[in-house]
Amino acid sequence: MLIYLIRHGETTGDVEDRYGGDYDDHLTDKGKKQAEELSSKLANKGIEVIFASSFIRAQETALILQNKLKVKIKTVNDIRERNLYGILTGMVKSEARKKYPELVERLKNTQDTIEGAESWESFVKRIMDSLLEIANMKYKTVAIVTHGGPIRRVFGEFLEIRKEITEIKIADCAYAVLEYKDGKFNLKEKVGIEFVK
C-alpha cells in the first residue's frame, strides 16, 4: 500500500500564535489555498480513500482534497493531534508565558505531560495502532490527513528517523509518501518536510 501522510493547511491558531494540539480551529484562506494546490498535485496518484482526523482543520483540508479526488472521506478520531498543552490549549502563547510560565517551561520536554494533557504513551499507541490498521486494509493507495505530531511519531516509531536527526520541520499541507510492504514502512518521498541533523 502507498500512504500519502498529509498535514492540514494553515489554521487560524497558527496565525494567532496559539498553543494548538487539540485546539479545534479552522483553516485560514491561505490554508484553503494550500489544500487546493495539494489536491492538484495528488489528482493523478490513484488515491482511493481519504482518512482524516476528526479535528476541523483536518476535515476542511480533506473536503478540499475530496472535491478534486472524488473519493470518500473516512473520519478516524485516533489520528488526531495530541493534547500536549493541557490547560494552555488554545491560549495565545504570549499570554500563556505571563499566566503560566512554569508550564510553558515544561513544554520544552515533549515527553513531559502537564495537567490535562494526554500522556506520551497513550498518544504514541493510538497513532501507531491507527496507522497499522489503515495499512492493513485492502486499498492500494490512500491519503491520511492528520497533524504534525502524528507525522513526527510515524517517522520516529516506524521509520526510526529520529535516531539520525534533531528536528522534523513540517510545513502546512506537507506530505510524506510511505510504502507499507511485508509489515514494514519505507519512506518513498517527502514534500515540505525537512529533517534537521
Protein backbone atom coordinates (compact mmCIF):
# COMPACT_ATOMS: atom_id res chain seq x y z
CA MET A 1 0.00 0.00 0.00
CA LEU A 2 1.04 3.57 -0.67
CA ILE A 3 0.09 6.07 2.02
CA TYR A 4 0.09 9.83 1.47
CA LEU A 5 0.54 11.14 5.00
CA ILE A 6 -0.60 14.78 4.90
CA ARG A 7 -0.52 17.66 7.35
CA HIS A 8 -3.53 20.00 7.25
CA GLY A 9 -3.30 23.56 5.86
CA GLU A 10 -2.57 26.76 7.77
CA THR A 11 -5.01 27.45 10.62
CA THR A 12 -6.35 30.44 12.49
CA GLY A 13 -4.44 29.21 15.55
CA ASP A 14 -1.18 29.28 13.57
CA VAL A 15 -1.76 32.90 12.57
CA GLU A 16 -2.82 33.93 16.09
CA ASP A 17 0.21 32.08 17.60
CA ARG A 18 -1.88 29.88 19.89
CA TYR A 19 -0.97 26.62 21.57
CA GLY A 20 -2.62 24.11 19.27
CA GLY A 21 -2.63 20.42 20.00
CA ASP A 22 -6.27 19.50 20.30
CA TYR A 23 -7.44 23.12 19.94
CA ASP A 24 -10.03 22.71 17.20
CA ASP A 25 -9.55 25.59 14.77
CA HIS A 26 -10.42 26.31 11.13
CA LEU A 27 -8.26 26.74 8.05
CA THR A 28 -7.38 30.28 7.02
CA ASP A 29 -7.93 31.41 3.43
CA LYS A 30 -4.25 30.66 2.87
CA GLY A 31 -4.73 27.19 4.35
CA LYS A 32 -7.63 26.53 1.97
CA LYS A 33 -5.48 27.63 -0.97
CA GLN A 34 -2.66 25.33 0.21
CA ALA A 35 -5.12 22.42 0.27
CA GLU A 36 -6.38 23.29 -3.22
CA GLU A 37 -2.80 23.34 -4.54
CA LEU A 38 -2.13 20.00 -2.86
CA SER A 39 -5.27 18.49 -4.37
CA SER A 40 -3.93 19.32 -7.85
CA LYS A 41 -0.61 17.63 -7.04
CA LEU A 42 -2.40 14.48 -5.84
CA ALA A 43 -5.06 14.34 -8.59
CA ASN A 44 -3.46 11.52 -10.58
CA LYS A 45 -1.92 9.48 -7.78
CA GLY A 46 -4.67 6.84 -7.66
CA ILE A 47 -5.84 7.69 -4.13
CA GLU A 48 -8.88 5.52 -3.34
CA VAL A 49 -9.99 6.98 0.00
CA ILE A 50 -9.10 9.80 2.39
CA PHE A 51 -8.77 9.07 6.10
CA ALA A 52 -9.00 12.27 8.13
CA SER A 53 -8.56 13.29 11.74
CA SER A 54 -11.77 14.38 13.44
CA PHE A 55 -10.46 17.92 14.01
CA ILE A 56 -11.98 20.71 11.92
CA ARG A 57 -8.69 21.74 10.27
CA ALA A 58 -8.09 18.19 9.02
CA GLN A 59 -11.72 17.77 7.93
CA GLU A 60 -11.64 21.05 5.99
CA THR A 61 -8.39 20.01 4.29
CA ALA A 62 -9.86 16.58 3.45
CA LEU A 63 -13.02 18.13 1.98
CA ILE A 64 -10.94 20.30 -0.36
CA LEU A 65 -8.95 17.22 -1.43
CA GLN A 66 -12.18 15.27 -1.89
CA ASN A 67 -13.53 17.89 -4.32
CA LYS A 68 -10.64 17.14 -6.67
CA LEU A 69 -10.05 13.45 -5.98
CA LYS A 70 -13.73 12.40 -5.94
CA VAL A 71 -13.27 9.79 -3.19
CA LYS A 72 -14.88 9.14 0.19
CA ILE A 73 -13.62 10.61 3.46
CA LYS A 74 -13.47 8.32 6.48
CA THR A 75 -13.04 10.07 9.83
CA VAL A 76 -10.58 8.41 12.21
CA ASN A 77 -10.60 10.02 15.65
CA ASP A 78 -7.37 8.33 16.75
CA ILE A 79 -5.19 10.11 14.16
CA ARG A 80 -5.94 13.47 15.80
CA GLU A 81 -3.21 15.66 17.30
CA ARG A 82 -2.03 15.08 20.85
CA ASN A 83 -3.47 17.16 23.66
CA LEU A 84 0.03 18.28 24.56
CA TYR A 85 -0.80 21.59 26.17
CA GLY A 86 -3.48 20.76 28.76
CA ILE A 87 -4.85 23.99 30.23
CA LEU A 88 -2.69 26.02 27.82
CA THR A 89 -4.58 24.63 24.80
CA GLY A 90 -5.94 27.44 22.64
CA MET A 91 -4.17 30.19 24.59
CA VAL A 92 -2.14 32.84 22.77
CA LYS A 93 1.48 31.94 23.57
CA SER A 94 2.46 35.38 24.88
CA GLU A 95 -0.48 35.30 27.33
CA ALA A 96 0.39 31.78 28.44
CA ARG A 97 4.00 32.79 29.17
CA LYS A 98 2.71 35.52 31.52
CA LYS A 99 0.00 33.47 33.21
CA TYR A 100 1.68 30.03 33.39
CA PRO A 101 5.46 30.49 32.98
CA GLU A 102 6.30 27.23 34.77
CA LEU A 103 4.04 25.19 32.47
CA VAL A 104 5.43 26.87 29.36
CA GLU A 105 8.94 25.93 30.55
CA ARG A 106 7.86 22.29 30.99
CA LEU A 107 6.80 22.16 27.35
CA LYS A 108 10.47 22.10 26.32
CA ASN A 109 10.44 18.40 27.22
CA THR A 110 7.94 17.00 24.69
CA GLN A 111 7.57 13.75 26.61
CA ASP A 112 6.59 15.58 29.81
CA THR A 113 2.87 15.65 30.50
CA ILE A 114 1.33 18.75 32.02
CA GLU A 115 -2.02 18.81 33.78
CA GLY A 116 -4.90 17.93 31.48
CA ALA A 117 -2.64 16.72 28.66
CA GLU A 118 -2.62 13.29 27.02
CA SER A 119 0.19 11.01 28.12
CA TRP A 120 3.03 10.37 25.69
CA GLU A 121 2.41 6.61 25.83
CA SER A 122 -1.29 6.96 25.01
CA PHE A 123 -0.56 9.28 22.09
CA VAL A 124 2.10 7.04 20.54
CA LYS A 125 -0.05 3.90 20.94
CA ARG A 126 -3.16 5.33 19.30
CA ILE A 127 -1.20 6.78 16.35
CA MET A 128 0.72 3.56 15.72
CA ASP A 129 -2.36 1.34 16.13
CA SER A 130 -4.38 3.53 13.75
CA LEU A 131 -1.70 3.62 11.08
CA LEU A 132 -1.24 -0.15 11.20
CA GLU A 133 -4.99 -0.69 10.98
CA ILE A 134 -5.19 1.52 7.87
CA ALA A 135 -2.05 -0.02 6.33
CA ASN A 136 -3.55 -3.50 6.59
CA MET A 137 -6.74 -2.57 4.72
CA LYS A 138 -7.26 -3.76 1.14
CA TYR A 139 -6.55 -0.45 -0.59
CA LYS A 140 -3.59 0.17 -2.90
CA THR A 141 -3.24 3.94 -2.31
CA VAL A 142 -4.74 6.09 0.46
CA ALA A 143 -4.40 9.59 1.86
CA ILE A 144 -4.33 10.33 5.59
CA VAL A 145 -4.98 13.94 6.60
CA THR A 146 -3.57 14.44 10.07
CA HIS A 147 -1.29 16.76 12.06
CA GLY A 148 2.39 17.47 12.68
CA GLY A 149 2.63 15.47 15.90
CA PRO A 150 1.30 12.21 14.45
CA ILE A 151 3.51 12.56 11.37
CA ARG A 152 6.59 13.03 13.57
CA ARG A 153 5.61 9.95 15.57
CA VAL A 154 5.33 7.86 12.43
CA PHE A 155 8.85 8.90 11.43
CA GLY A 156 10.15 8.21 14.93
CA GLU A 157 8.41 4.91 15.62
CA PHE A 158 8.16 3.14 12.26
CA LEU A 159 10.92 4.70 10.20
CA GLU A 160 13.39 5.22 13.06
CA ILE A 161 14.48 8.52 11.53
CA ARG A 162 14.67 10.19 14.95
CA LYS A 163 17.99 8.47 15.63
CA GLU A 164 19.66 10.49 12.88
CA ILE A 165 18.10 13.94 13.30
CA THR A 166 17.33 16.54 15.94
CA GLU A 167 14.19 18.12 14.46
CA ILE A 168 11.50 17.48 11.86
CA LYS A 169 10.01 20.60 10.26
CA ILE A 170 6.63 20.04 8.63
CA ALA A 171 5.07 22.81 6.53
CA ASP A 172 1.33 23.30 6.13
CA CYS A 173 -0.05 20.76 3.61
CA ALA A 174 3.30 18.96 3.54
CA TYR A 175 3.18 15.23 2.89
CA ALA A 176 5.19 12.05 3.00
CA VAL A 177 4.64 9.03 0.79
CA LEU A 178 5.07 5.79 2.71
CA GLU A 179 5.10 2.31 1.25
CA TYR A 180 3.79 -0.45 3.51
CA LYS A 181 5.02 -3.84 2.36
CA ASP A 182 5.77 -7.08 4.18
CA GLY A 183 4.94 -5.50 7.54
CA LYS A 184 7.35 -2.58 7.12
CA PHE A 185 7.07 1.11 6.25
CA ASN A 186 9.51 2.77 3.87
CA LEU A 187 9.71 6.47 3.08
CA LYS A 188 9.40 6.93 -0.70
CA GLU A 189 9.10 10.72 -0.91
CA LYS A 190 8.64 13.81 1.25
CA VAL A 191 7.38 17.23 0.18
CA GLY A 192 7.52 20.19 2.57
CA ILE A 193 9.19 18.12 5.28
CA GLU A 194 12.73 18.88 6.41
CA PHE A 195 14.95 16.65 8.55
CA VAL A 196 17.40 18.74 10.58
CA LYS A 197 20.55 16.94 11.72
